[in-house]
Amino acid sequence: MLVNDTICLVLTPLVIAAIRRGELPMLPYLIALATSANIGSVATLVGNPQNMIIGHFSRIRLHNFPWRLHRQLLSASRSISSFCVLVFETLYEQRRLNGSLTLSRSWTVCCLRSSAVFVSIFACFVAGLNLAWTALAGAALVMVLARRDTHEVLKLVDWHLLVFFAALFVVVDGLSDTGLPDAIYRHLQPVFGSHVTAPTWNLT
């Protein structure tokens, strides 16, 4: 229910901390996190930026989007398989963590508040409210409830990365306006086939 990039950025430090304290192999868990975030993001309208753009232009409601993916059963099965792998790894290795991960009271309160805001945001998504404004309102509410200096929080934002993403959309849109992608597609379309499912399989 969160963007795949957010899942990777937020959970990676937690996963690394658990791995180090439990003296576990780091690579399998980080790969599982990254692949699961990407695979699972396909299933919802807010899972990745591509789906958000599709939802914006198609006006598909959040709760209707998964049903529109009924032909994407392979993606759903991969997501379920990835989740099962994570659960198995957690159950198999949890005894090696030896309960070393503890949370302070202030951290627990912060998590509970953030979770409540997140549930409220998701409810607004389901109700059909604007995705962008709802997310911004939720972020503002979390910052208010945290009672921290917003200037210090905003300093932690990777603005260079945000500018990079914004510039990426500008470049892609500019390339699209040149007509070059459409011209390439018209020349390659006979190679991939004209049937509905043929281009997908041939491209894959």
N, C-alpha and C. Protein backbone atom coordinates (compact mmCIF):
# COMPACT_ATOMS: atom_id res chain seq x y z
N MET A 1 0.81 -1.21 0.00
CA MET A 1 0.00 0.00 0.00
C MET A 1 0.85 1.27 0.00
N LEU A 2 2.16 1.12 0.00
CA LEU A 2 3.07 2.25 -0.13
C LEU A 2 3.87 2.10 -1.43
N VAL A 3 4.49 3.20 -1.87
CA VAL A 3 5.29 3.16 -3.08
C VAL A 3 6.49 2.24 -2.88
N ASN A 4 6.86 1.49 -3.92
CA ASN A 4 7.96 0.53 -3.79
C ASN A 4 9.26 1.19 -3.35
N ASP A 5 9.53 2.41 -3.83
CA ASP A 5 10.75 3.11 -3.40
C ASP A 5 10.72 3.38 -1.90
N THR A 6 9.55 3.77 -1.40
CA THR A 6 9.42 4.05 0.03
C THR A 6 9.67 2.80 0.85
N ILE A 7 9.12 1.67 0.40
CA ILE A 7 9.34 0.41 1.12
C ILE A 7 10.82 0.09 1.22
N CYS A 8 11.54 0.24 0.10
CA CYS A 8 12.97 -0.08 0.11
C CYS A 8 13.75 0.88 1.01
N LEU A 9 13.44 2.18 0.93
CA LEU A 9 14.18 3.17 1.71
C LEU A 9 13.91 3.04 3.21
N VAL A 10 12.64 2.75 3.56
CA VAL A 10 12.27 2.70 4.97
C VAL A 10 12.70 1.39 5.62
N LEU A 11 12.52 0.29 4.92
CA LEU A 11 12.76 -1.02 5.54
C LEU A 11 14.21 -1.48 5.45
N THR A 12 15.00 -0.96 4.51
CA THR A 12 16.38 -1.42 4.37
C THR A 12 17.20 -1.21 5.65
N PRO A 13 17.17 -0.04 6.28
CA PRO A 13 17.93 0.09 7.54
C PRO A 13 17.48 -0.88 8.62
N LEU A 14 16.16 -1.10 8.71
CA LEU A 14 15.64 -2.03 9.72
C LEU A 14 16.11 -3.46 9.43
N VAL A 15 16.05 -3.85 8.16
CA VAL A 15 16.47 -5.20 7.78
C VAL A 15 17.96 -5.38 8.04
N ILE A 16 18.76 -4.38 7.70
CA ILE A 16 20.20 -4.47 7.92
C ILE A 16 20.52 -4.57 9.42
N ALA A 17 19.79 -3.80 10.24
CA ALA A 17 20.01 -3.87 11.68
C ALA A 17 19.70 -5.25 12.22
N ALA A 18 18.59 -5.83 11.76
CA ALA A 18 18.22 -7.17 12.21
C ALA A 18 19.23 -8.21 11.74
N ILE A 19 19.72 -8.04 10.51
CA ILE A 19 20.68 -8.99 9.95
C ILE A 19 21.99 -8.96 10.74
N ARG A 20 22.45 -7.75 11.05
CA ARG A 20 23.72 -7.62 11.77
C ARG A 20 23.62 -8.18 13.18
N ARG A 21 22.52 -7.89 13.86
CA ARG A 21 22.37 -8.37 15.23
C ARG A 21 22.18 -9.88 15.27
N GLY A 22 21.55 -10.41 14.25
CA GLY A 22 21.35 -11.85 14.21
C GLY A 22 22.45 -12.61 13.52
N GLU A 23 23.47 -11.86 13.00
CA GLU A 23 24.60 -12.48 12.31
C GLU A 23 24.12 -13.37 11.17
N LEU A 24 23.24 -12.81 10.34
CA LEU A 24 22.67 -13.53 9.22
C LEU A 24 23.31 -13.07 7.92
N PRO A 25 23.19 -13.85 6.85
CA PRO A 25 23.70 -13.41 5.55
C PRO A 25 22.86 -12.24 5.03
N MET A 26 23.51 -11.16 4.63
CA MET A 26 22.81 -9.94 4.28
C MET A 26 22.18 -9.98 2.90
N LEU A 27 22.90 -10.52 1.91
CA LEU A 27 22.46 -10.42 0.51
C LEU A 27 21.09 -11.04 0.24
N PRO A 28 20.80 -12.26 0.72
CA PRO A 28 19.48 -12.85 0.40
C PRO A 28 18.31 -12.01 0.90
N TYR A 29 18.45 -11.44 2.09
CA TYR A 29 17.34 -10.68 2.66
C TYR A 29 17.13 -9.35 1.93
N LEU A 30 18.23 -8.70 1.55
CA LEU A 30 18.10 -7.44 0.83
C LEU A 30 17.54 -7.66 -0.57
N ILE A 31 17.96 -8.74 -1.22
CA ILE A 31 17.39 -9.06 -2.53
C ILE A 31 15.90 -9.39 -2.40
N ALA A 32 15.56 -10.12 -1.35
CA ALA A 32 14.15 -10.45 -1.12
C ALA A 32 13.32 -9.18 -0.89
N LEU A 33 13.88 -8.24 -0.15
CA LEU A 33 13.18 -6.98 0.11
C LEU A 33 12.96 -6.20 -1.18
N ALA A 34 14.01 -6.06 -1.97
CA ALA A 34 13.92 -5.27 -3.20
C ALA A 34 12.95 -5.90 -4.21
N THR A 35 13.09 -7.21 -4.42
CA THR A 35 12.23 -7.87 -5.41
C THR A 35 10.78 -7.91 -4.93
N SER A 36 10.56 -8.12 -3.65
CA SER A 36 9.20 -8.17 -3.13
C SER A 36 8.53 -6.80 -3.24
N ALA A 37 9.30 -5.74 -2.99
CA ALA A 37 8.75 -4.39 -3.09
C ALA A 37 8.29 -4.11 -4.52
N ASN A 38 9.10 -4.52 -5.49
CA ASN A 38 8.75 -4.27 -6.90
C ASN A 38 7.62 -5.16 -7.37
N ILE A 39 7.67 -6.43 -7.00
CA ILE A 39 6.63 -7.37 -7.44
C ILE A 39 5.29 -7.00 -6.82
N GLY A 40 5.30 -6.72 -5.52
CA GLY A 40 4.06 -6.40 -4.85
C GLY A 40 3.46 -5.07 -5.28
N SER A 41 4.31 -4.15 -5.76
CA SER A 41 3.82 -2.83 -6.14
C SER A 41 2.90 -2.88 -7.36
N VAL A 42 2.98 -3.96 -8.12
CA VAL A 42 2.15 -4.07 -9.32
C VAL A 42 0.67 -4.15 -8.96
N ALA A 43 0.37 -4.65 -7.78
CA ALA A 43 -1.01 -5.02 -7.45
C ALA A 43 -1.91 -3.85 -7.09
N THR A 44 -1.34 -2.68 -6.76
CA THR A 44 -2.18 -1.58 -6.29
C THR A 44 -1.92 -0.31 -7.09
N LEU A 45 -2.87 0.60 -7.01
CA LEU A 45 -2.79 1.86 -7.74
C LEU A 45 -1.72 2.78 -7.19
N VAL A 46 -1.35 2.60 -5.92
CA VAL A 46 -0.35 3.45 -5.30
C VAL A 46 0.96 2.71 -5.06
N GLY A 47 1.12 1.57 -5.70
CA GLY A 47 2.30 0.75 -5.47
C GLY A 47 3.55 1.27 -6.15
N ASN A 48 3.41 1.94 -7.28
CA ASN A 48 4.56 2.51 -7.98
C ASN A 48 4.11 3.70 -8.83
N PRO A 49 5.04 4.55 -9.23
CA PRO A 49 4.67 5.75 -10.00
C PRO A 49 3.95 5.43 -11.30
N GLN A 50 4.31 4.32 -11.95
CA GLN A 50 3.66 3.97 -13.21
C GLN A 50 2.17 3.72 -13.00
N ASN A 51 1.84 2.99 -11.95
CA ASN A 51 0.43 2.73 -11.66
C ASN A 51 -0.31 4.01 -11.30
N MET A 52 0.38 4.92 -10.60
CA MET A 52 -0.24 6.19 -10.26
C MET A 52 -0.60 6.99 -11.51
N ILE A 53 0.30 6.98 -12.49
CA ILE A 53 0.04 7.69 -13.74
C ILE A 53 -1.14 7.05 -14.47
N ILE A 54 -1.17 5.72 -14.48
CA ILE A 54 -2.29 5.01 -15.11
C ILE A 54 -3.60 5.37 -14.42
N GLY A 55 -3.58 5.38 -13.09
CA GLY A 55 -4.79 5.72 -12.35
C GLY A 55 -5.23 7.15 -12.58
N HIS A 56 -4.24 8.06 -12.71
CA HIS A 56 -4.58 9.48 -12.90
C HIS A 56 -5.30 9.71 -14.23
N PHE A 57 -4.79 9.09 -15.28
CA PHE A 57 -5.37 9.33 -16.61
C PHE A 57 -6.59 8.46 -16.88
N SER A 58 -6.65 7.29 -16.27
CA SER A 58 -7.78 6.39 -16.53
C SER A 58 -8.95 6.62 -15.58
N ARG A 59 -8.69 7.32 -14.46
CA ARG A 59 -9.72 7.56 -13.44
C ARG A 59 -10.22 6.26 -12.80
N ILE A 60 -9.40 5.24 -12.82
CA ILE A 60 -9.76 3.99 -12.17
C ILE A 60 -9.68 4.18 -10.66
N ARG A 61 -10.68 3.70 -9.94
CA ARG A 61 -10.70 3.81 -8.48
C ARG A 61 -9.71 2.82 -7.88
N LEU A 62 -9.27 3.14 -6.68
CA LEU A 62 -8.25 2.32 -6.02
C LEU A 62 -8.71 0.88 -5.84
N HIS A 63 -9.95 0.69 -5.39
CA HIS A 63 -10.42 -0.66 -5.12
C HIS A 63 -10.77 -1.42 -6.41
N ASN A 64 -10.91 -0.70 -7.53
CA ASN A 64 -11.20 -1.37 -8.80
C ASN A 64 -9.93 -1.79 -9.54
N PHE A 65 -8.81 -1.17 -9.19
CA PHE A 65 -7.58 -1.43 -9.93
C PHE A 65 -7.13 -2.89 -9.90
N PRO A 66 -7.13 -3.55 -8.72
CA PRO A 66 -6.72 -4.97 -8.72
C PRO A 66 -7.59 -5.84 -9.62
N TRP A 67 -8.87 -5.53 -9.70
CA TRP A 67 -9.75 -6.35 -10.55
C TRP A 67 -9.44 -6.14 -12.02
N ARG A 68 -8.93 -4.94 -12.36
CA ARG A 68 -8.54 -4.69 -13.74
C ARG A 68 -7.30 -5.49 -14.13
N LEU A 69 -6.61 -6.00 -13.12
CA LEU A 69 -5.40 -6.78 -13.37
C LEU A 69 -5.68 -8.28 -13.36
N HIS A 70 -6.93 -8.65 -13.61
CA HIS A 70 -7.29 -10.07 -13.52
C HIS A 70 -6.54 -10.92 -14.53
N ARG A 71 -6.01 -10.30 -15.58
CA ARG A 71 -5.22 -11.04 -16.55
C ARG A 71 -3.76 -11.16 -16.13
N GLN A 72 -3.40 -10.45 -15.05
CA GLN A 72 -2.02 -10.46 -14.58
C GLN A 72 -1.85 -11.45 -13.42
N LEU A 73 -2.40 -12.63 -13.57
CA LEU A 73 -2.33 -13.61 -12.49
C LEU A 73 -0.90 -14.00 -12.17
N LEU A 74 -0.03 -13.91 -13.17
CA LEU A 74 1.37 -14.27 -12.94
C LEU A 74 2.00 -13.32 -11.94
N SER A 75 1.70 -12.03 -12.06
CA SER A 75 2.24 -11.05 -11.11
C SER A 75 1.73 -11.33 -9.70
N ALA A 76 0.44 -11.67 -9.59
CA ALA A 76 -0.12 -11.96 -8.29
C ALA A 76 0.54 -13.19 -7.66
N SER A 77 0.75 -14.22 -8.46
CA SER A 77 1.38 -15.45 -7.94
C SER A 77 2.81 -15.18 -7.51
N ARG A 78 3.52 -14.34 -8.26
CA ARG A 78 4.88 -14.00 -7.86
C ARG A 78 4.88 -13.24 -6.55
N SER A 79 3.93 -12.35 -6.39
CA SER A 79 3.86 -11.58 -5.15
C SER A 79 3.61 -12.49 -3.96
N ILE A 80 2.68 -13.43 -4.12
CA ILE A 80 2.37 -14.38 -3.05
C ILE A 80 3.59 -15.25 -2.75
N SER A 81 4.27 -15.70 -3.79
CA SER A 81 5.44 -16.54 -3.59
C SER A 81 6.54 -15.80 -2.85
N SER A 82 6.74 -14.53 -3.23
CA SER A 82 7.76 -13.73 -2.57
C SER A 82 7.43 -13.54 -1.09
N PHE A 83 6.16 -13.28 -0.80
CA PHE A 83 5.73 -13.11 0.59
C PHE A 83 5.97 -14.40 1.37
N CYS A 84 5.66 -15.53 0.78
CA CYS A 84 5.86 -16.82 1.46
C CYS A 84 7.34 -17.05 1.77
N VAL A 85 8.21 -16.66 0.84
CA VAL A 85 9.65 -16.82 1.06
C VAL A 85 10.10 -15.98 2.26
N LEU A 86 9.60 -14.75 2.32
CA LEU A 86 9.97 -13.88 3.45
C LEU A 86 9.48 -14.45 4.78
N VAL A 87 8.26 -14.95 4.79
CA VAL A 87 7.71 -15.54 6.02
C VAL A 87 8.54 -16.74 6.43
N PHE A 88 8.89 -17.60 5.49
CA PHE A 88 9.68 -18.79 5.79
C PHE A 88 11.04 -18.41 6.36
N GLU A 89 11.71 -17.41 5.72
CA GLU A 89 13.02 -17.00 6.20
C GLU A 89 12.92 -16.43 7.61
N THR A 90 11.86 -15.65 7.86
CA THR A 90 11.70 -15.06 9.19
C THR A 90 11.49 -16.12 10.25
N LEU A 91 10.60 -17.09 9.98
CA LEU A 91 10.32 -18.15 10.95
C LEU A 91 11.54 -19.04 11.17
N TYR A 92 12.30 -19.26 10.10
CA TYR A 92 13.45 -20.16 10.19
C TYR A 92 14.60 -19.53 10.97
N GLU A 93 14.74 -18.18 10.82
CA GLU A 93 15.90 -17.53 11.42
C GLU A 93 15.58 -16.74 12.68
N GLN A 94 14.31 -16.68 13.10
CA GLN A 94 13.96 -15.80 14.21
C GLN A 94 14.65 -16.21 15.51
N ARG A 95 14.93 -17.49 15.69
CA ARG A 95 15.58 -17.91 16.94
C ARG A 95 17.00 -17.37 17.04
N ARG A 96 17.59 -17.03 15.88
CA ARG A 96 18.95 -16.51 15.90
C ARG A 96 18.98 -15.03 16.26
N LEU A 97 17.79 -14.37 16.18
CA LEU A 97 17.74 -12.96 16.58
C LEU A 97 17.78 -12.81 18.09
N ASN A 98 17.32 -13.87 18.81
CA ASN A 98 17.39 -13.91 20.27
C ASN A 98 16.73 -12.71 20.93
N GLY A 99 15.67 -12.20 20.30
CA GLY A 99 14.92 -11.10 20.89
C GLY A 99 15.73 -9.84 21.09
N SER A 100 16.76 -9.63 20.27
CA SER A 100 17.65 -8.48 20.48
C SER A 100 17.05 -7.19 19.99
N LEU A 101 15.97 -7.24 19.20
CA LEU A 101 15.35 -6.03 18.69
C LEU A 101 14.29 -5.54 19.67
N THR A 102 14.56 -4.44 20.33
CA THR A 102 13.61 -3.87 21.28
C THR A 102 13.29 -2.44 20.87
N LEU A 103 12.08 -1.99 21.18
CA LEU A 103 11.64 -0.65 20.82
C LEU A 103 11.37 0.16 22.08
N SER A 104 11.81 1.41 22.08
CA SER A 104 11.54 2.30 23.19
C SER A 104 10.08 2.71 23.17
N ARG A 105 9.61 3.27 24.30
CA ARG A 105 8.21 3.68 24.39
C ARG A 105 7.91 4.80 23.40
N SER A 106 8.83 5.78 23.29
CA SER A 106 8.60 6.89 22.37
C SER A 106 8.54 6.41 20.92
N TRP A 107 9.40 5.44 20.60
CA TRP A 107 9.40 4.89 19.24
C TRP A 107 8.11 4.12 18.98
N THR A 108 7.62 3.41 19.97
CA THR A 108 6.37 2.67 19.83
C THR A 108 5.20 3.61 19.61
N VAL A 109 5.15 4.70 20.38
CA VAL A 109 4.08 5.69 20.21
C VAL A 109 4.14 6.29 18.82
N CYS A 110 5.34 6.60 18.35
CA CYS A 110 5.51 7.17 17.01
C CYS A 110 5.01 6.21 15.94
N CYS A 111 5.32 4.92 16.11
CA CYS A 111 4.87 3.91 15.14
C CYS A 111 3.35 3.79 15.14
N LEU A 112 2.74 3.83 16.33
CA LEU A 112 1.29 3.72 16.42
C LEU A 112 0.62 4.92 15.76
N ARG A 113 1.14 6.12 16.00
CA ARG A 113 0.57 7.31 15.38
C ARG A 113 0.70 7.25 13.87
N SER A 114 1.88 6.87 13.40
CA SER A 114 2.10 6.78 11.96
C SER A 114 1.20 5.73 11.32
N SER A 115 1.01 4.62 12.02
CA SER A 115 0.13 3.57 11.50
C SER A 115 -1.31 4.05 11.40
N ALA A 116 -1.75 4.81 12.41
CA ALA A 116 -3.12 5.34 12.39
C ALA A 116 -3.31 6.30 11.23
N VAL A 117 -2.31 7.15 11.00
CA VAL A 117 -2.39 8.09 9.87
C VAL A 117 -2.39 7.32 8.55
N PHE A 118 -1.56 6.29 8.48
CA PHE A 118 -1.50 5.50 7.25
C PHE A 118 -2.83 4.84 6.95
N VAL A 119 -3.49 4.29 7.96
CA VAL A 119 -4.80 3.67 7.76
C VAL A 119 -5.81 4.71 7.29
N SER A 120 -5.73 5.91 7.85
CA SER A 120 -6.64 6.98 7.44
C SER A 120 -6.40 7.38 5.99
N ILE A 121 -5.12 7.45 5.60
CA ILE A 121 -4.79 7.79 4.22
C ILE A 121 -5.34 6.74 3.27
N PHE A 122 -5.16 5.48 3.63
CA PHE A 122 -5.64 4.41 2.77
C PHE A 122 -7.16 4.45 2.66
N ALA A 123 -7.84 4.77 3.74
CA ALA A 123 -9.30 4.89 3.70
C ALA A 123 -9.72 6.01 2.75
N CYS A 124 -8.97 7.11 2.76
CA CYS A 124 -9.26 8.22 1.83
C CYS A 124 -9.00 7.79 0.39
N PHE A 125 -7.96 6.99 0.18
CA PHE A 125 -7.69 6.47 -1.16
C PHE A 125 -8.88 5.65 -1.67
N VAL A 126 -9.36 4.75 -0.81
CA VAL A 126 -10.48 3.90 -1.19
C VAL A 126 -11.73 4.73 -1.45
N ALA A 127 -11.89 5.82 -0.70
CA ALA A 127 -13.06 6.69 -0.87
C ALA A 127 -13.00 7.49 -2.16
N GLY A 128 -11.85 7.46 -2.83
CA GLY A 128 -11.75 8.14 -4.13
C GLY A 128 -11.19 9.53 -4.07
N LEU A 129 -10.63 9.96 -2.93
CA LEU A 129 -10.04 11.29 -2.84
C LEU A 129 -8.75 11.36 -3.65
N ASN A 130 -8.33 12.57 -3.96
CA ASN A 130 -7.13 12.77 -4.76
C ASN A 130 -5.92 12.14 -4.08
N LEU A 131 -5.18 11.33 -4.83
CA LEU A 131 -4.05 10.59 -4.25
C LEU A 131 -2.96 11.52 -3.75
N ALA A 132 -2.58 12.49 -4.57
CA ALA A 132 -1.45 13.35 -4.22
C ALA A 132 -1.75 14.21 -3.00
N TRP A 133 -2.91 14.88 -3.00
CA TRP A 133 -3.25 15.76 -1.88
C TRP A 133 -3.48 14.98 -0.60
N THR A 134 -4.05 13.79 -0.73
CA THR A 134 -4.26 12.95 0.46
C THR A 134 -2.93 12.53 1.07
N ALA A 135 -1.98 12.12 0.23
CA ALA A 135 -0.66 11.72 0.72
C ALA A 135 0.06 12.89 1.38
N LEU A 136 -0.02 14.07 0.77
CA LEU A 136 0.63 15.26 1.35
C LEU A 136 -0.01 15.63 2.69
N ALA A 137 -1.33 15.53 2.77
CA ALA A 137 -2.01 15.84 4.02
C ALA A 137 -1.58 14.86 5.12
N GLY A 138 -1.47 13.58 4.77
CA GLY A 138 -1.03 12.59 5.74
C GLY A 138 0.39 12.83 6.20
N ALA A 139 1.28 13.19 5.27
CA ALA A 139 2.67 13.48 5.63
C ALA A 139 2.74 14.69 6.56
N ALA A 140 1.95 15.73 6.27
CA ALA A 140 1.92 16.91 7.14
C ALA A 140 1.41 16.57 8.53
N LEU A 141 0.40 15.71 8.59
CA LEU A 141 -0.16 15.31 9.89
C LEU A 141 0.86 14.53 10.71
N VAL A 142 1.61 13.64 10.06
CA VAL A 142 2.65 12.88 10.77
C VAL A 142 3.70 13.82 11.35
N MET A 143 4.10 14.83 10.56
CA MET A 143 5.11 15.78 11.04
C MET A 143 4.60 16.59 12.22
N VAL A 144 3.31 16.93 12.20
CA VAL A 144 2.73 17.67 13.32
C VAL A 144 2.67 16.81 14.57
N LEU A 145 2.23 15.56 14.41
CA LEU A 145 2.11 14.66 15.56
C LEU A 145 3.47 14.31 16.15
N ALA A 146 4.50 14.30 15.31
CA ALA A 146 5.84 13.95 15.79
C ALA A 146 6.43 15.04 16.67
N ARG A 147 5.91 16.27 16.53
CA ARG A 147 6.37 17.41 17.34
C ARG A 147 7.87 17.61 17.23
N ARG A 148 8.36 17.51 16.01
CA ARG A 148 9.78 17.75 15.76
C ARG A 148 9.93 19.00 14.90
N ASP A 149 11.11 19.57 14.95
CA ASP A 149 11.39 20.75 14.14
C ASP A 149 11.33 20.35 12.66
N THR A 150 10.38 20.91 11.94
CA THR A 150 10.21 20.53 10.54
C THR A 150 11.42 20.91 9.70
N HIS A 151 12.14 21.95 10.08
CA HIS A 151 13.33 22.33 9.32
C HIS A 151 14.38 21.22 9.37
N GLU A 152 14.53 20.61 10.55
CA GLU A 152 15.50 19.53 10.67
C GLU A 152 15.06 18.31 9.89
N VAL A 153 13.75 18.05 9.87
CA VAL A 153 13.24 16.90 9.12
C VAL A 153 13.43 17.09 7.63
N LEU A 154 13.11 18.29 7.15
CA LEU A 154 13.21 18.57 5.71
C LEU A 154 14.66 18.54 5.23
N LYS A 155 15.60 18.80 6.14
CA LYS A 155 17.01 18.71 5.77
C LYS A 155 17.42 17.28 5.44
N LEU A 156 16.68 16.31 5.98
CA LEU A 156 17.01 14.90 5.75
C LEU A 156 16.49 14.39 4.41
N VAL A 157 15.64 15.18 3.75
CA VAL A 157 15.09 14.77 2.45
C VAL A 157 16.19 14.83 1.40
N ASP A 158 16.28 13.81 0.57
CA ASP A 158 17.28 13.78 -0.50
C ASP A 158 16.73 14.58 -1.68
N TRP A 159 16.92 15.89 -1.65
CA TRP A 159 16.36 16.75 -2.69
C TRP A 159 17.01 16.49 -4.04
N HIS A 160 18.29 16.11 -4.04
CA HIS A 160 18.95 15.80 -5.31
C HIS A 160 18.26 14.64 -6.02
N LEU A 161 17.86 13.64 -5.24
CA LEU A 161 17.18 12.50 -5.83
C LEU A 161 15.81 12.90 -6.38
N LEU A 162 15.09 13.77 -5.66
CA LEU A 162 13.78 14.22 -6.13
C LEU A 162 13.91 15.02 -7.43
N VAL A 163 14.94 15.88 -7.50
CA VAL A 163 15.17 16.64 -8.73
C VAL A 163 15.52 15.70 -9.88
N PHE A 164 16.29 14.66 -9.57
CA PHE A 164 16.63 13.68 -10.60
C PHE A 164 15.38 13.01 -11.15
N PHE A 165 14.46 12.59 -10.27
CA PHE A 165 13.23 11.94 -10.72
C PHE A 165 12.38 12.90 -11.54
N ALA A 166 12.28 14.15 -11.08
CA ALA A 166 11.49 15.14 -11.82
C ALA A 166 12.08 15.36 -13.21
N ALA A 167 13.40 15.50 -13.27
CA ALA A 167 14.07 15.70 -14.56
C ALA A 167 13.89 14.49 -15.47
N LEU A 168 13.85 13.31 -14.87
CA LEU A 168 13.66 12.09 -15.66
C LEU A 168 12.33 12.11 -16.39
N PHE A 169 11.26 12.55 -15.69
CA PHE A 169 9.95 12.64 -16.33
C PHE A 169 9.95 13.70 -17.43
N VAL A 170 10.68 14.79 -17.21
CA VAL A 170 10.77 15.85 -18.23
C VAL A 170 11.44 15.31 -19.49
N VAL A 171 12.55 14.60 -19.31
CA VAL A 171 13.28 14.05 -20.45
C VAL A 171 12.43 13.03 -21.21
N VAL A 172 11.76 12.15 -20.49
CA VAL A 172 10.92 11.14 -21.13
C VAL A 172 9.78 11.78 -21.91
N ASP A 173 9.14 12.79 -21.30
CA ASP A 173 8.05 13.48 -21.99
C ASP A 173 8.55 14.22 -23.21
N GLY A 174 9.73 14.82 -23.10
CA GLY A 174 10.32 15.50 -24.25
C GLY A 174 10.63 14.54 -25.38
N LEU A 175 11.16 13.37 -25.03
CA LEU A 175 11.44 12.36 -26.06
C LEU A 175 10.15 11.88 -26.71
N SER A 176 9.10 11.73 -25.90
CA SER A 176 7.82 11.30 -26.45
C SER A 176 7.26 12.32 -27.43
N ASP A 177 7.45 13.61 -27.14
CA ASP A 177 6.94 14.67 -28.02
C ASP A 177 7.64 14.70 -29.36
N THR A 178 8.85 14.15 -29.44
CA THR A 178 9.56 14.14 -30.72
C THR A 178 8.94 13.17 -31.71
N GLY A 179 8.16 12.22 -31.22
CA GLY A 179 7.55 11.23 -32.10
C GLY A 179 8.44 10.04 -32.39
N LEU A 180 9.66 10.06 -31.87
CA LEU A 180 10.61 8.97 -32.14
C LEU A 180 10.14 7.63 -31.58
N PRO A 181 9.66 7.57 -30.32
CA PRO A 181 9.19 6.27 -29.81
C PRO A 181 8.05 5.67 -30.64
N ASP A 182 7.11 6.51 -31.08
CA ASP A 182 6.01 6.01 -31.90
C ASP A 182 6.51 5.50 -33.24
N ALA A 183 7.49 6.20 -33.81
CA ALA A 183 8.05 5.77 -35.10
C ALA A 183 8.76 4.43 -34.96
N ILE A 184 9.51 4.26 -33.87
CA ILE A 184 10.20 2.99 -33.63
C ILE A 184 9.18 1.87 -33.43
N TYR A 185 8.12 2.15 -32.69
CA TYR A 185 7.09 1.13 -32.44
C TYR A 185 6.41 0.70 -33.74
N ARG A 186 6.11 1.66 -34.62
CA ARG A 186 5.45 1.32 -35.89
C ARG A 186 6.33 0.41 -36.74
N HIS A 187 7.65 0.62 -36.69
CA HIS A 187 8.55 -0.23 -37.47
C HIS A 187 8.72 -1.60 -36.85
N LEU A 188 8.62 -1.68 -35.53
CA LEU A 188 8.85 -2.96 -34.85
C LEU A 188 7.57 -3.75 -34.61
N GLN A 189 6.41 -3.13 -34.78
CA GLN A 189 5.15 -3.80 -34.49
C GLN A 189 4.97 -5.10 -35.28
N PRO A 190 5.30 -5.13 -36.59
CA PRO A 190 5.16 -6.42 -37.31
C PRO A 190 6.00 -7.54 -36.72
N VAL A 191 7.13 -7.18 -36.10
CA VAL A 191 8.01 -8.21 -35.52
C VAL A 191 7.37 -8.85 -34.30
N PHE A 192 6.69 -8.03 -33.52
CA PHE A 192 6.12 -8.53 -32.27
C PHE A 192 4.73 -9.13 -32.45
N GLY A 193 4.07 -8.85 -33.56
CA GLY A 193 2.74 -9.42 -33.78
C GLY A 193 1.65 -8.43 -33.45
N SER A 194 0.45 -8.68 -33.96
CA SER A 194 -0.67 -7.75 -33.80
C SER A 194 -1.72 -8.25 -32.83
N HIS A 195 -1.65 -9.53 -32.41
CA HIS A 195 -2.62 -10.05 -31.45
C HIS A 195 -2.44 -9.37 -30.10
N VAL A 196 -3.49 -9.40 -29.29
CA VAL A 196 -3.48 -8.66 -28.02
C VAL A 196 -2.35 -9.12 -27.11
N THR A 197 -2.17 -10.43 -26.98
CA THR A 197 -1.16 -10.95 -26.05
C THR A 197 0.18 -11.24 -26.71
N ALA A 198 0.22 -11.31 -28.02
CA ALA A 198 1.46 -11.67 -28.73
C ALA A 198 2.60 -10.68 -28.46
N PRO A 199 2.38 -9.34 -28.54
CA PRO A 199 3.50 -8.43 -28.29
C PRO A 199 4.11 -8.59 -26.90
N THR A 200 3.27 -8.84 -25.90
CA THR A 200 3.81 -8.98 -24.54
C THR A 200 4.74 -10.17 -24.42
N TRP A 201 4.29 -11.31 -24.92
CA TRP A 201 5.12 -12.52 -24.84
C TRP A 201 6.38 -12.39 -25.71
N ASN A 202 6.23 -11.85 -26.91
CA ASN A 202 7.39 -11.71 -27.80
C ASN A 202 8.42 -10.74 -27.25
N LEU A 203 7.95 -9.64 -26.66
CA LEU A 203 8.88 -8.69 -26.06
C LEU A 203 9.60 -9.31 -24.87
N THR A 204 8.85 -10.08 -24.06
CA THR A 204 9.45 -10.75 -22.91
C THR A 204 10.52 -11.76 -23.35
